C-alpha cells in the first residue's frame, strides 16, 4: 500500500496518473503545483477536521484558537476530561461536541488507534472511523488522506471535486458522488493524488480554494 509522506510521493503519483489516464494531462497543466498539506496522525488532526466542517476558515480558526487557549494541547484525554459545558466556551455546536467526545472516549479508552490507521487498508480504516457516530465518509476520507497519508482515497462526496471533474471532462451537470466514484476507480492506486489534482484545478478555474481545512 502506498503512503504519501512528502512532495516526492505526490510527484510519483501524478506521473503515474498521467500514464494511467492521459485525459488528466491538460488538467495537470492548468492545475500547477499540487498541495501536500500533511499533518501528524492522531486525535488533534481528526479534531481539527471535525471543527472545520461546514464553517468558514475564519470561524474554524477562532474555535480552534479557543480550544488551544483552554486546553493547551488538544488531546483525546484532555477533551474527554473537560468539565461539563466547557465545550460551549469554545464556540462548538452540540453536534460537533458530541462527535469529538465520542472520538475522544474511543481514543482514550483504547478502542480507536488513529495512528495505526495509516497502516490499514483504506476500506478497513474507513470502516473503523465511520463506525463512530458523527464521523461520515467525507470526514474519514479527509483524515486518511491528510493525516494518515493514504494514497488511494477519493472523497467522492466533496462538492468541489464533483464540480472540478465535471468541468475537466465537459459535463453539463455536476456529476454526483456515485458517478465520481466510478470515474475515480481508474486512478487507483493514486486516487488521493487525483483528488489533490482536481482541488488544485478547481482553485485555478474558480479562483477559490476548496481544499479541506486540515
N, C-alpha and C. Protein backbone atom coordinates (compact mmCIF):
# COMPACT_ATOMS: atom_id res chain seq x y z
N UNK A 1 0.84 -1.20 0.00
CA UNK A 1 0.00 0.00 0.00
C UNK A 1 0.88 1.25 0.00
N UNK A 2 0.57 2.18 -0.89
CA UNK A 2 1.33 3.42 -0.97
C UNK A 2 0.95 4.36 0.18
N UNK A 3 1.97 5.03 0.74
CA UNK A 3 1.74 6.05 1.75
C UNK A 3 2.41 7.34 1.26
N UNK A 4 1.70 8.45 1.35
CA UNK A 4 2.23 9.74 0.95
C UNK A 4 2.90 10.40 2.16
N UNK A 5 4.19 10.70 2.01
CA UNK A 5 4.94 11.31 3.11
C UNK A 5 5.52 12.68 2.75
N UNK A 6 5.76 12.91 1.45
CA UNK A 6 6.36 14.18 1.07
C UNK A 6 6.03 14.49 -0.39
N UNK A 7 6.59 15.60 -0.88
CA UNK A 7 6.30 16.07 -2.23
C UNK A 7 6.74 15.06 -3.30
N UNK A 8 7.78 14.29 -3.00
CA UNK A 8 8.25 13.30 -3.97
C UNK A 8 7.20 12.23 -4.23
N UNK A 9 6.45 11.88 -3.20
CA UNK A 9 5.37 10.91 -3.38
C UNK A 9 4.25 11.49 -4.24
N UNK A 10 3.98 12.78 -4.04
CA UNK A 10 2.98 13.44 -4.88
C UNK A 10 3.43 13.43 -6.34
N UNK A 11 4.68 13.75 -6.57
CA UNK A 11 5.22 13.76 -7.93
C UNK A 11 5.16 12.38 -8.57
N UNK A 12 5.50 11.36 -7.80
CA UNK A 12 5.44 9.99 -8.30
C UNK A 12 4.00 9.62 -8.66
N UNK A 13 3.08 9.96 -7.77
CA UNK A 13 1.68 9.65 -8.02
C UNK A 13 1.13 10.36 -9.24
N UNK A 14 1.49 11.64 -9.39
CA UNK A 14 1.00 12.39 -10.55
C UNK A 14 1.55 11.82 -11.85
N UNK A 15 2.82 11.47 -11.85
CA UNK A 15 3.41 10.88 -13.06
C UNK A 15 2.69 9.58 -13.43
N UNK A 16 2.37 8.78 -12.43
CA UNK A 16 1.65 7.53 -12.68
C UNK A 16 0.24 7.81 -13.20
N UNK A 17 -0.43 8.80 -12.63
CA UNK A 17 -1.79 9.14 -13.07
C UNK A 17 -1.82 9.57 -14.53
N UNK A 18 -0.84 10.35 -14.94
CA UNK A 18 -0.82 10.85 -16.32
C UNK A 18 -0.59 9.72 -17.31
N UNK A 19 0.04 8.65 -16.86
CA UNK A 19 0.20 7.46 -17.71
C UNK A 19 -1.08 6.63 -17.70
N UNK A 20 -1.69 6.51 -16.52
CA UNK A 20 -2.92 5.73 -16.39
C UNK A 20 -4.05 6.33 -17.20
N UNK A 21 -4.20 7.66 -17.13
CA UNK A 21 -5.33 8.36 -17.76
C UNK A 21 -4.83 9.64 -18.43
N UNK A 22 -4.51 9.56 -19.72
CA UNK A 22 -3.99 10.74 -20.43
C UNK A 22 -4.93 11.94 -20.42
N UNK A 23 -6.22 11.73 -20.13
CA UNK A 23 -7.16 12.86 -20.04
C UNK A 23 -6.75 13.84 -18.95
N UNK A 24 -5.93 13.37 -17.99
CA UNK A 24 -5.53 14.22 -16.88
C UNK A 24 -4.39 15.16 -17.23
N UNK A 25 -3.76 14.96 -18.38
CA UNK A 25 -2.60 15.79 -18.72
C UNK A 25 -2.96 17.27 -18.85
N UNK A 26 -4.01 17.63 -19.59
CA UNK A 26 -4.36 19.06 -19.64
C UNK A 26 -4.84 19.59 -18.29
N UNK A 27 -5.45 18.74 -17.48
CA UNK A 27 -5.88 19.15 -16.15
C UNK A 27 -4.65 19.52 -15.31
N UNK A 28 -3.64 18.65 -15.37
CA UNK A 28 -2.41 18.90 -14.62
C UNK A 28 -1.68 20.14 -15.11
N UNK A 29 -1.73 20.37 -16.42
CA UNK A 29 -1.06 21.54 -16.98
C UNK A 29 -1.67 22.82 -16.45
N UNK A 30 -2.98 22.83 -16.26
CA UNK A 30 -3.66 24.02 -15.73
C UNK A 30 -3.54 24.13 -14.21
N UNK A 31 -3.55 22.98 -13.54
CA UNK A 31 -3.61 22.98 -12.07
C UNK A 31 -2.34 23.50 -11.42
N UNK A 32 -1.20 23.24 -12.04
CA UNK A 32 0.07 23.66 -11.44
C UNK A 32 0.47 22.76 -10.29
N UNK A 33 1.22 23.30 -9.33
CA UNK A 33 1.75 22.50 -8.22
C UNK A 33 0.61 21.96 -7.36
N UNK A 34 0.77 20.71 -6.94
CA UNK A 34 -0.26 20.08 -6.11
C UNK A 34 0.10 20.21 -4.62
N UNK A 35 -0.91 20.42 -3.78
CA UNK A 35 -0.66 20.60 -2.35
C UNK A 35 -0.33 19.27 -1.66
N UNK A 36 0.55 19.31 -0.70
CA UNK A 36 0.82 18.15 0.15
C UNK A 36 -0.05 18.23 1.39
N UNK A 37 0.14 19.27 2.16
CA UNK A 37 -0.65 19.60 3.35
C UNK A 37 -0.90 18.39 4.26
N UNK A 38 0.16 17.79 4.73
CA UNK A 38 0.05 16.69 5.69
C UNK A 38 0.20 17.21 7.12
N UNK A 39 -0.51 16.60 8.04
CA UNK A 39 -0.30 16.86 9.44
C UNK A 39 -0.20 15.52 10.17
N UNK A 40 0.29 15.55 11.39
CA UNK A 40 0.52 14.32 12.15
C UNK A 40 -0.81 13.59 12.39
N UNK A 41 -0.78 12.25 12.30
CA UNK A 41 -1.98 11.49 12.65
C UNK A 41 -2.26 11.58 14.14
N UNK A 42 -3.50 11.39 14.52
CA UNK A 42 -3.86 11.41 15.93
C UNK A 42 -5.14 12.20 16.18
N UNK A 43 -5.49 12.33 17.43
CA UNK A 43 -6.75 12.99 17.79
C UNK A 43 -6.77 14.45 17.36
N UNK A 44 -5.67 15.16 17.52
CA UNK A 44 -5.65 16.58 17.19
C UNK A 44 -6.01 16.81 15.72
N UNK A 45 -5.43 16.01 14.83
CA UNK A 45 -5.71 16.17 13.41
C UNK A 45 -7.16 15.90 13.07
N UNK A 46 -7.71 14.82 13.61
CA UNK A 46 -9.11 14.50 13.34
C UNK A 46 -10.03 15.55 13.96
N UNK A 47 -9.69 16.00 15.16
CA UNK A 47 -10.50 17.03 15.82
C UNK A 47 -10.53 18.31 14.99
N UNK A 48 -9.40 18.68 14.42
CA UNK A 48 -9.36 19.90 13.62
C UNK A 48 -10.23 19.79 12.38
N UNK A 49 -10.25 18.61 11.76
CA UNK A 49 -11.12 18.40 10.59
C UNK A 49 -12.58 18.51 10.99
N UNK A 50 -12.94 17.91 12.11
CA UNK A 50 -14.33 17.96 12.58
C UNK A 50 -14.73 19.40 12.90
N UNK A 51 -13.87 20.13 13.58
CA UNK A 51 -14.15 21.52 13.93
C UNK A 51 -14.35 22.37 12.69
N UNK A 52 -13.60 22.08 11.63
CA UNK A 52 -13.59 22.93 10.44
C UNK A 52 -14.73 22.66 9.47
N UNK A 53 -15.50 21.61 9.71
CA UNK A 53 -16.57 21.27 8.78
C UNK A 53 -17.69 22.31 8.77
N UNK A 54 -18.13 22.64 7.57
CA UNK A 54 -19.32 23.46 7.33
C UNK A 54 -19.25 24.82 8.02
N UNK A 55 -18.04 25.33 8.24
CA UNK A 55 -17.88 26.70 8.73
C UNK A 55 -16.77 27.36 7.91
N UNK A 56 -16.71 28.67 7.96
CA UNK A 56 -15.67 29.38 7.24
C UNK A 56 -14.31 29.13 7.89
N UNK A 57 -13.25 29.40 7.16
CA UNK A 57 -11.91 29.25 7.72
C UNK A 57 -11.74 30.16 8.95
N UNK A 58 -12.28 31.37 8.86
CA UNK A 58 -12.15 32.30 10.00
C UNK A 58 -12.84 31.75 11.23
N UNK A 59 -14.03 31.19 11.06
CA UNK A 59 -14.76 30.62 12.20
C UNK A 59 -14.03 29.41 12.77
N UNK A 60 -13.52 28.56 11.87
CA UNK A 60 -12.77 27.38 12.31
C UNK A 60 -11.53 27.80 13.10
N UNK A 61 -10.83 28.80 12.60
CA UNK A 61 -9.63 29.28 13.29
C UNK A 61 -9.96 29.84 14.66
N UNK A 62 -11.09 30.55 14.75
CA UNK A 62 -11.49 31.14 16.02
C UNK A 62 -11.83 30.06 17.05
N UNK A 63 -12.58 29.05 16.62
CA UNK A 63 -12.94 27.96 17.52
C UNK A 63 -11.69 27.20 17.97
N UNK A 64 -10.83 26.90 17.01
CA UNK A 64 -9.62 26.15 17.33
C UNK A 64 -8.71 26.95 18.28
N UNK A 65 -8.64 28.24 18.04
CA UNK A 65 -7.84 29.09 18.93
C UNK A 65 -8.34 29.05 20.36
N UNK A 66 -9.66 29.03 20.55
CA UNK A 66 -10.24 28.95 21.89
C UNK A 66 -9.97 27.58 22.52
N UNK A 67 -9.97 26.55 21.69
CA UNK A 67 -9.67 25.21 22.21
C UNK A 67 -8.22 25.13 22.68
N UNK A 68 -7.32 25.68 21.89
CA UNK A 68 -5.90 25.70 22.28
C UNK A 68 -5.71 26.51 23.56
N UNK A 69 -6.38 27.66 23.62
CA UNK A 69 -6.25 28.52 24.81
C UNK A 69 -6.79 27.83 26.05
N UNK A 70 -7.86 27.06 25.87
CA UNK A 70 -8.48 26.41 27.02
C UNK A 70 -7.86 25.10 27.42
N UNK A 71 -7.24 24.41 26.44
CA UNK A 71 -6.73 23.07 26.71
C UNK A 71 -5.20 22.97 26.66
N UNK A 72 -4.57 23.97 26.05
CA UNK A 72 -3.13 23.88 25.82
C UNK A 72 -2.87 23.05 24.59
N UNK A 73 -2.85 21.74 24.74
CA UNK A 73 -2.75 20.82 23.61
C UNK A 73 -4.06 20.05 23.50
N UNK A 74 -4.55 19.90 22.27
CA UNK A 74 -5.83 19.21 22.07
C UNK A 74 -5.57 17.71 21.98
N UNK A 75 -5.82 17.01 23.07
CA UNK A 75 -5.62 15.57 23.13
C UNK A 75 -6.94 14.88 23.45
N UNK A 76 -6.99 13.59 23.17
CA UNK A 76 -8.19 12.82 23.48
C UNK A 76 -8.44 12.79 24.98
N UNK A 77 -7.39 12.57 25.75
CA UNK A 77 -7.53 12.52 27.20
C UNK A 77 -7.99 13.87 27.75
N UNK A 78 -7.42 14.94 27.20
CA UNK A 78 -7.80 16.27 27.64
C UNK A 78 -9.24 16.59 27.33
N UNK A 79 -9.69 16.22 26.12
CA UNK A 79 -11.07 16.53 25.75
C UNK A 79 -12.04 15.68 26.56
N UNK A 80 -11.71 14.40 26.72
CA UNK A 80 -12.59 13.52 27.48
C UNK A 80 -12.71 13.98 28.94
N UNK A 81 -11.68 14.67 29.45
CA UNK A 81 -11.68 15.10 30.84
C UNK A 81 -12.19 16.51 31.07
N UNK A 82 -12.71 17.16 30.05
CA UNK A 82 -13.21 18.52 30.21
C UNK A 82 -14.40 18.57 31.17
N UNK A 83 -14.50 19.66 31.88
CA UNK A 83 -15.68 19.87 32.72
C UNK A 83 -16.92 20.00 31.83
N UNK A 84 -18.07 19.53 32.30
CA UNK A 84 -19.30 19.66 31.52
C UNK A 84 -19.54 21.12 31.10
N UNK A 85 -19.99 21.27 29.88
CA UNK A 85 -20.34 22.57 29.31
C UNK A 85 -19.13 23.42 28.92
N UNK A 86 -17.90 22.94 29.20
CA UNK A 86 -16.72 23.72 28.79
C UNK A 86 -16.68 23.92 27.29
N UNK A 87 -17.16 22.91 26.56
CA UNK A 87 -17.14 22.98 25.10
C UNK A 87 -17.89 24.20 24.57
N UNK A 88 -18.88 24.66 25.31
CA UNK A 88 -19.64 25.83 24.85
C UNK A 88 -18.75 27.07 24.76
N UNK A 89 -17.78 27.17 25.65
CA UNK A 89 -16.90 28.34 25.63
C UNK A 89 -15.98 28.35 24.41
N UNK A 90 -15.85 27.20 23.76
CA UNK A 90 -15.03 27.13 22.54
C UNK A 90 -15.80 27.59 21.30
N UNK A 91 -17.13 27.67 21.41
CA UNK A 91 -17.95 28.02 20.25
C UNK A 91 -18.37 26.83 19.43
N UNK A 92 -18.22 25.63 19.97
CA UNK A 92 -18.62 24.41 19.25
C UNK A 92 -20.13 24.24 19.26
N UNK A 93 -20.65 23.63 18.21
CA UNK A 93 -22.05 23.24 18.21
C UNK A 93 -22.20 21.97 19.03
N UNK A 94 -23.41 21.69 19.45
CA UNK A 94 -23.66 20.47 20.22
C UNK A 94 -23.27 19.23 19.40
N UNK A 95 -23.59 19.24 18.10
CA UNK A 95 -23.31 18.07 17.26
C UNK A 95 -21.80 17.82 17.19
N UNK A 96 -21.03 18.89 16.98
CA UNK A 96 -19.58 18.71 16.89
C UNK A 96 -18.99 18.27 18.22
N UNK A 97 -19.49 18.86 19.30
CA UNK A 97 -19.00 18.45 20.61
C UNK A 97 -19.28 16.96 20.84
N UNK A 98 -20.49 16.52 20.52
CA UNK A 98 -20.84 15.12 20.75
C UNK A 98 -19.92 14.19 19.96
N UNK A 99 -19.63 14.58 18.71
CA UNK A 99 -18.74 13.78 17.89
C UNK A 99 -17.33 13.75 18.48
N UNK A 100 -16.82 14.92 18.85
CA UNK A 100 -15.49 14.99 19.45
C UNK A 100 -15.42 14.18 20.74
N UNK A 101 -16.46 14.24 21.54
CA UNK A 101 -16.49 13.49 22.80
C UNK A 101 -16.45 11.99 22.54
N UNK A 102 -17.20 11.53 21.54
CA UNK A 102 -17.19 10.10 21.23
C UNK A 102 -15.82 9.65 20.72
N UNK A 103 -15.21 10.48 19.86
CA UNK A 103 -13.88 10.15 19.36
C UNK A 103 -12.88 10.14 20.51
N UNK A 104 -12.94 11.15 21.37
CA UNK A 104 -12.01 11.25 22.49
C UNK A 104 -12.12 10.03 23.41
N UNK A 105 -13.34 9.62 23.70
CA UNK A 105 -13.54 8.47 24.56
C UNK A 105 -13.00 7.20 23.92
N UNK A 106 -13.22 7.05 22.60
CA UNK A 106 -12.74 5.86 21.89
C UNK A 106 -11.21 5.81 21.87
N UNK A 107 -10.59 6.96 21.64
CA UNK A 107 -9.13 7.01 21.59
C UNK A 107 -8.53 6.82 22.98
N UNK A 108 -9.04 7.58 23.95
CA UNK A 108 -8.50 7.50 25.31
C UNK A 108 -8.72 6.13 25.93
N UNK A 109 -9.81 5.48 25.54
CA UNK A 109 -10.11 4.16 26.08
C UNK A 109 -9.44 3.02 25.35
N UNK A 110 -8.73 3.34 24.26
CA UNK A 110 -8.01 2.30 23.52
C UNK A 110 -8.82 1.60 22.45
N UNK A 111 -10.05 2.03 22.24
CA UNK A 111 -10.88 1.38 21.22
C UNK A 111 -10.58 1.85 19.81
N UNK A 112 -9.90 2.98 19.67
CA UNK A 112 -9.56 3.52 18.36
C UNK A 112 -8.12 4.00 18.38
N UNK A 113 -7.30 3.42 17.51
CA UNK A 113 -5.90 3.82 17.38
C UNK A 113 -5.75 4.59 16.08
N UNK A 114 -5.77 5.91 16.17
CA UNK A 114 -5.73 6.74 14.97
C UNK A 114 -4.39 6.64 14.24
N UNK A 115 -3.31 6.41 14.98
CA UNK A 115 -2.00 6.26 14.33
C UNK A 115 -1.93 4.98 13.50
N UNK A 116 -2.54 3.92 13.99
CA UNK A 116 -2.47 2.63 13.31
C UNK A 116 -3.25 2.61 12.01
N UNK A 117 -4.18 3.54 11.83
CA UNK A 117 -4.99 3.56 10.61
C UNK A 117 -4.13 3.79 9.37
N UNK A 118 -2.96 4.41 9.53
CA UNK A 118 -2.08 4.67 8.39
C UNK A 118 -1.63 3.37 7.74
N UNK A 119 -1.55 2.31 8.52
CA UNK A 119 -1.04 1.03 8.00
C UNK A 119 -2.16 0.09 7.57
N UNK A 120 -3.41 0.50 7.78
CA UNK A 120 -4.53 -0.37 7.40
C UNK A 120 -5.00 -0.05 5.99
N UNK A 121 -5.71 -0.96 5.39
CA UNK A 121 -6.28 -0.71 4.07
C UNK A 121 -7.29 0.43 4.18
N UNK A 122 -7.49 1.18 3.10
CA UNK A 122 -8.47 2.27 3.17
C UNK A 122 -9.86 1.77 3.58
N UNK A 123 -10.24 0.60 3.10
CA UNK A 123 -11.57 0.08 3.41
C UNK A 123 -11.72 -0.19 4.91
N UNK A 124 -10.72 -0.83 5.50
CA UNK A 124 -10.79 -1.14 6.93
C UNK A 124 -10.71 0.14 7.76
N UNK A 125 -9.82 1.03 7.37
CA UNK A 125 -9.65 2.28 8.12
C UNK A 125 -10.93 3.11 8.06
N UNK A 126 -11.54 3.20 6.88
CA UNK A 126 -12.79 3.96 6.75
C UNK A 126 -13.90 3.34 7.58
N UNK A 127 -13.94 2.01 7.60
CA UNK A 127 -14.96 1.32 8.39
C UNK A 127 -14.80 1.62 9.87
N UNK A 128 -13.57 1.63 10.36
CA UNK A 128 -13.32 1.92 11.78
C UNK A 128 -13.74 3.33 12.14
N UNK A 129 -13.39 4.28 11.27
CA UNK A 129 -13.71 5.68 11.58
C UNK A 129 -15.20 5.95 11.51
N UNK A 130 -15.85 5.46 10.49
CA UNK A 130 -17.28 5.76 10.31
C UNK A 130 -18.17 4.95 11.26
N UNK A 131 -17.58 4.02 11.99
CA UNK A 131 -18.37 3.30 13.00
C UNK A 131 -18.67 4.20 14.19
N UNK A 132 -17.96 5.32 14.29
CA UNK A 132 -18.21 6.28 15.36
C UNK A 132 -19.28 7.26 14.89
N UNK A 133 -20.36 7.35 15.63
CA UNK A 133 -21.45 8.24 15.25
C UNK A 133 -20.96 9.68 15.12
N UNK A 134 -21.30 10.30 14.01
CA UNK A 134 -20.90 11.68 13.76
C UNK A 134 -19.77 11.80 12.75
N UNK A 135 -19.05 10.70 12.52
CA UNK A 135 -17.99 10.71 11.50
C UNK A 135 -18.53 10.07 10.23
N UNK A 136 -18.72 10.88 9.21
CA UNK A 136 -19.20 10.39 7.94
C UNK A 136 -18.05 10.06 7.01
N UNK A 137 -18.37 9.57 5.82
CA UNK A 137 -17.33 9.19 4.86
C UNK A 137 -16.37 10.32 4.53
N UNK A 138 -16.88 11.55 4.31
CA UNK A 138 -16.00 12.65 3.93
C UNK A 138 -14.97 12.93 5.02
N UNK A 139 -15.42 13.02 6.26
CA UNK A 139 -14.50 13.28 7.37
C UNK A 139 -13.44 12.20 7.46
N UNK A 140 -13.87 10.95 7.35
CA UNK A 140 -12.94 9.83 7.44
C UNK A 140 -11.94 9.85 6.29
N UNK A 141 -12.43 10.11 5.09
CA UNK A 141 -11.55 10.13 3.91
C UNK A 141 -10.52 11.25 4.00
N UNK A 142 -10.97 12.42 4.42
CA UNK A 142 -10.04 13.56 4.54
C UNK A 142 -8.98 13.26 5.61
N UNK A 143 -9.40 12.65 6.72
CA UNK A 143 -8.42 12.29 7.75
C UNK A 143 -7.39 11.31 7.19
N UNK A 144 -7.84 10.28 6.50
CA UNK A 144 -6.91 9.28 5.96
C UNK A 144 -5.96 9.90 4.95
N UNK A 145 -6.45 10.84 4.15
CA UNK A 145 -5.61 11.48 3.15
C UNK A 145 -4.56 12.39 3.78
N UNK A 146 -5.00 13.27 4.66
CA UNK A 146 -4.13 14.36 5.11
C UNK A 146 -3.46 14.13 6.46
N UNK A 147 -3.91 13.11 7.19
CA UNK A 147 -3.25 12.75 8.45
C UNK A 147 -2.65 11.35 8.36
N UNK A 148 -3.35 10.45 7.71
CA UNK A 148 -2.86 9.09 7.59
C UNK A 148 -1.91 8.87 6.44
N UNK A 149 -1.92 9.78 5.46
CA UNK A 149 -1.04 9.65 4.31
C UNK A 149 -1.48 8.62 3.29
N UNK A 150 -2.73 8.17 3.38
CA UNK A 150 -3.22 7.18 2.42
C UNK A 150 -3.18 7.76 1.00
N UNK A 151 -2.68 6.96 0.07
CA UNK A 151 -2.52 7.43 -1.31
C UNK A 151 -3.71 7.10 -2.20
N UNK A 152 -4.62 6.24 -1.71
CA UNK A 152 -5.68 5.77 -2.61
C UNK A 152 -7.07 6.00 -2.03
N UNK A 153 -7.35 7.25 -1.70
CA UNK A 153 -8.65 7.66 -1.17
C UNK A 153 -9.16 8.81 -2.01
N UNK A 154 -10.42 8.77 -2.39
CA UNK A 154 -11.02 9.85 -3.18
C UNK A 154 -12.37 10.22 -2.57
N UNK A 155 -12.49 11.41 -1.95
CA UNK A 155 -13.75 11.81 -1.31
C UNK A 155 -14.80 12.20 -2.35
N UNK A 156 -15.49 11.20 -2.88
CA UNK A 156 -16.41 11.44 -3.99
C UNK A 156 -17.58 12.34 -3.60
N UNK A 157 -17.87 12.45 -2.31
CA UNK A 157 -18.96 13.32 -1.88
C UNK A 157 -18.59 14.79 -1.79
N UNK A 158 -17.33 15.12 -2.05
CA UNK A 158 -16.88 16.50 -1.98
C UNK A 158 -17.41 17.29 -3.18
N UNK A 159 -18.17 18.33 -2.92
CA UNK A 159 -18.84 19.08 -4.00
C UNK A 159 -17.83 19.74 -4.94
N UNK A 160 -16.74 20.26 -4.40
CA UNK A 160 -15.73 20.91 -5.24
C UNK A 160 -15.08 19.89 -6.18
N UNK A 161 -14.83 18.68 -5.68
CA UNK A 161 -14.26 17.65 -6.56
C UNK A 161 -15.25 17.27 -7.65
N UNK A 162 -16.51 17.16 -7.30
CA UNK A 162 -17.53 16.86 -8.30
C UNK A 162 -17.55 17.94 -9.39
N UNK A 163 -17.53 19.19 -8.95
CA UNK A 163 -17.55 20.30 -9.91
C UNK A 163 -16.30 20.31 -10.77
N UNK A 164 -15.14 20.04 -10.16
CA UNK A 164 -13.88 20.06 -10.90
C UNK A 164 -13.83 18.96 -11.95
N UNK A 165 -14.25 17.77 -11.59
CA UNK A 165 -14.27 16.67 -12.56
C UNK A 165 -15.25 16.98 -13.69
N UNK A 166 -16.39 17.55 -13.31
CA UNK A 166 -17.37 17.93 -14.33
C UNK A 166 -16.81 18.95 -15.30
N UNK A 167 -16.12 19.97 -14.78
CA UNK A 167 -15.52 20.99 -15.64
C UNK A 167 -14.43 20.39 -16.52
N UNK A 168 -13.61 19.53 -15.95
CA UNK A 168 -12.49 18.97 -16.69
C UNK A 168 -12.94 18.09 -17.84
N UNK A 169 -14.03 17.36 -17.62
CA UNK A 169 -14.46 16.38 -18.61
C UNK A 169 -15.71 16.81 -19.39
N UNK A 170 -16.06 18.08 -19.26
CA UNK A 170 -17.11 18.64 -20.10
C UNK A 170 -18.52 18.21 -19.77
N UNK A 171 -18.81 17.92 -18.51
CA UNK A 171 -20.17 17.56 -18.12
C UNK A 171 -21.03 18.82 -18.07
N UNK A 172 -22.25 18.72 -18.55
CA UNK A 172 -23.17 19.85 -18.48
C UNK A 172 -23.73 20.03 -17.07
N UNK A 173 -23.85 18.92 -16.35
CA UNK A 173 -24.38 18.93 -14.99
C UNK A 173 -23.32 18.34 -14.06
N UNK A 174 -23.19 18.93 -12.89
CA UNK A 174 -22.20 18.43 -11.94
C UNK A 174 -22.48 16.97 -11.60
N UNK A 175 -21.52 16.08 -11.86
CA UNK A 175 -21.72 14.66 -11.55
C UNK A 175 -21.83 14.43 -10.05
N UNK A 176 -22.63 13.45 -9.68
CA UNK A 176 -22.84 13.17 -8.27
C UNK A 176 -21.83 12.14 -7.76
N UNK A 177 -21.91 11.86 -6.47
CA UNK A 177 -20.87 11.06 -5.81
C UNK A 177 -20.68 9.69 -6.45
N UNK A 178 -21.75 8.98 -6.75
CA UNK A 178 -21.61 7.63 -7.31
C UNK A 178 -20.90 7.66 -8.65
N UNK A 179 -21.25 8.65 -9.48
CA UNK A 179 -20.61 8.77 -10.79
C UNK A 179 -19.13 9.12 -10.63
N UNK A 180 -18.83 10.01 -9.68
CA UNK A 180 -17.44 10.41 -9.45
C UNK A 180 -16.62 9.22 -8.93
N UNK A 181 -17.22 8.44 -8.05
CA UNK A 181 -16.51 7.27 -7.51
C UNK A 181 -16.18 6.28 -8.62
N UNK A 182 -17.11 6.09 -9.55
CA UNK A 182 -16.84 5.19 -10.70
C UNK A 182 -15.74 5.78 -11.57
N UNK A 183 -15.79 7.07 -11.79
CA UNK A 183 -14.77 7.74 -12.60
C UNK A 183 -13.40 7.59 -11.95
N UNK A 184 -13.36 7.74 -10.63
CA UNK A 184 -12.09 7.72 -9.91
C UNK A 184 -11.48 6.34 -9.80
N UNK A 185 -12.26 5.30 -10.03
CA UNK A 185 -11.74 3.93 -9.86
C UNK A 185 -10.51 3.68 -10.72
N UNK A 186 -10.49 4.29 -11.90
CA UNK A 186 -9.37 4.07 -12.82
C UNK A 186 -8.08 4.69 -12.29
N UNK A 187 -8.18 5.63 -11.34
CA UNK A 187 -6.99 6.34 -10.84
C UNK A 187 -6.30 5.63 -9.69
N UNK A 188 -6.82 4.47 -9.29
CA UNK A 188 -6.14 3.67 -8.28
C UNK A 188 -4.76 3.26 -8.81
N UNK A 189 -3.73 3.17 -7.97
CA UNK A 189 -3.73 3.32 -6.50
C UNK A 189 -3.32 4.72 -6.05
N UNK A 190 -3.62 5.74 -6.87
CA UNK A 190 -3.20 7.10 -6.55
C UNK A 190 -4.39 8.07 -6.50
N UNK A 191 -5.51 7.59 -5.99
CA UNK A 191 -6.70 8.46 -6.00
C UNK A 191 -6.56 9.69 -5.11
N UNK A 192 -5.76 9.60 -4.05
CA UNK A 192 -5.55 10.78 -3.20
C UNK A 192 -4.80 11.88 -3.95
N UNK A 193 -3.90 11.48 -4.84
CA UNK A 193 -3.19 12.47 -5.67
C UNK A 193 -4.15 13.03 -6.71
N UNK A 194 -5.02 12.19 -7.25
CA UNK A 194 -6.02 12.67 -8.20
C UNK A 194 -6.93 13.70 -7.53
N UNK A 195 -7.32 13.47 -6.28
CA UNK A 195 -8.15 14.43 -5.57
C UNK A 195 -7.42 15.76 -5.41
N UNK A 196 -6.15 15.70 -5.03
CA UNK A 196 -5.36 16.92 -4.92
C UNK A 196 -5.29 17.65 -6.27
N UNK A 197 -5.14 16.87 -7.33
CA UNK A 197 -5.08 17.46 -8.67
C UNK A 197 -6.36 18.22 -8.99
N UNK A 198 -7.50 17.62 -8.70
CA UNK A 198 -8.77 18.28 -9.03
C UNK A 198 -9.08 19.43 -8.10
N UNK A 199 -8.65 19.37 -6.84
CA UNK A 199 -8.81 20.55 -5.97
C UNK A 199 -7.98 21.72 -6.50
N UNK A 200 -6.77 21.41 -6.94
CA UNK A 200 -5.91 22.47 -7.48
C UNK A 200 -6.51 23.04 -8.77
N UNK A 201 -7.04 22.16 -9.60
CA UNK A 201 -7.68 22.58 -10.86
C UNK A 201 -8.90 23.47 -10.56
N UNK A 202 -9.68 23.06 -9.57
CA UNK A 202 -10.85 23.85 -9.19
C UNK A 202 -10.44 25.25 -8.73
N UNK A 203 -9.36 25.32 -7.96
CA UNK A 203 -8.89 26.62 -7.46
C UNK A 203 -8.49 27.54 -8.61
N UNK A 204 -7.84 26.98 -9.63
CA UNK A 204 -7.44 27.77 -10.79
C UNK A 204 -8.66 28.24 -11.57
N UNK A 205 -9.62 27.34 -11.75
CA UNK A 205 -10.79 27.65 -12.57
C UNK A 205 -11.75 28.63 -11.89
N UNK A 206 -11.88 28.53 -10.58
CA UNK A 206 -12.88 29.34 -9.88
C UNK A 206 -12.26 30.46 -9.04
N UNK A 207 -10.92 30.41 -8.89
CA UNK A 207 -10.20 31.34 -8.01
C UNK A 207 -10.70 31.24 -6.57
N UNK A 208 -11.08 30.02 -6.18
CA UNK A 208 -11.49 29.75 -4.81
C UNK A 208 -10.80 28.48 -4.33
N UNK A 209 -10.23 28.55 -3.15
CA UNK A 209 -9.56 27.39 -2.58
C UNK A 209 -10.61 26.52 -1.89
N UNK A 210 -10.79 25.29 -2.41
CA UNK A 210 -11.75 24.38 -1.82
C UNK A 210 -11.09 23.22 -1.10
N UNK A 211 -9.77 23.28 -0.96
CA UNK A 211 -9.05 22.21 -0.27
C UNK A 211 -9.54 22.15 1.18
N UNK A 212 -9.82 20.95 1.70
CA UNK A 212 -10.29 20.85 3.09
C UNK A 212 -9.32 21.49 4.07
N UNK A 213 -9.88 22.08 5.12
CA UNK A 213 -9.06 22.66 6.19
C UNK A 213 -8.60 21.52 7.09
N UNK A 214 -7.30 21.31 7.15
CA UNK A 214 -6.78 20.22 7.97
C UNK A 214 -5.69 20.74 8.90
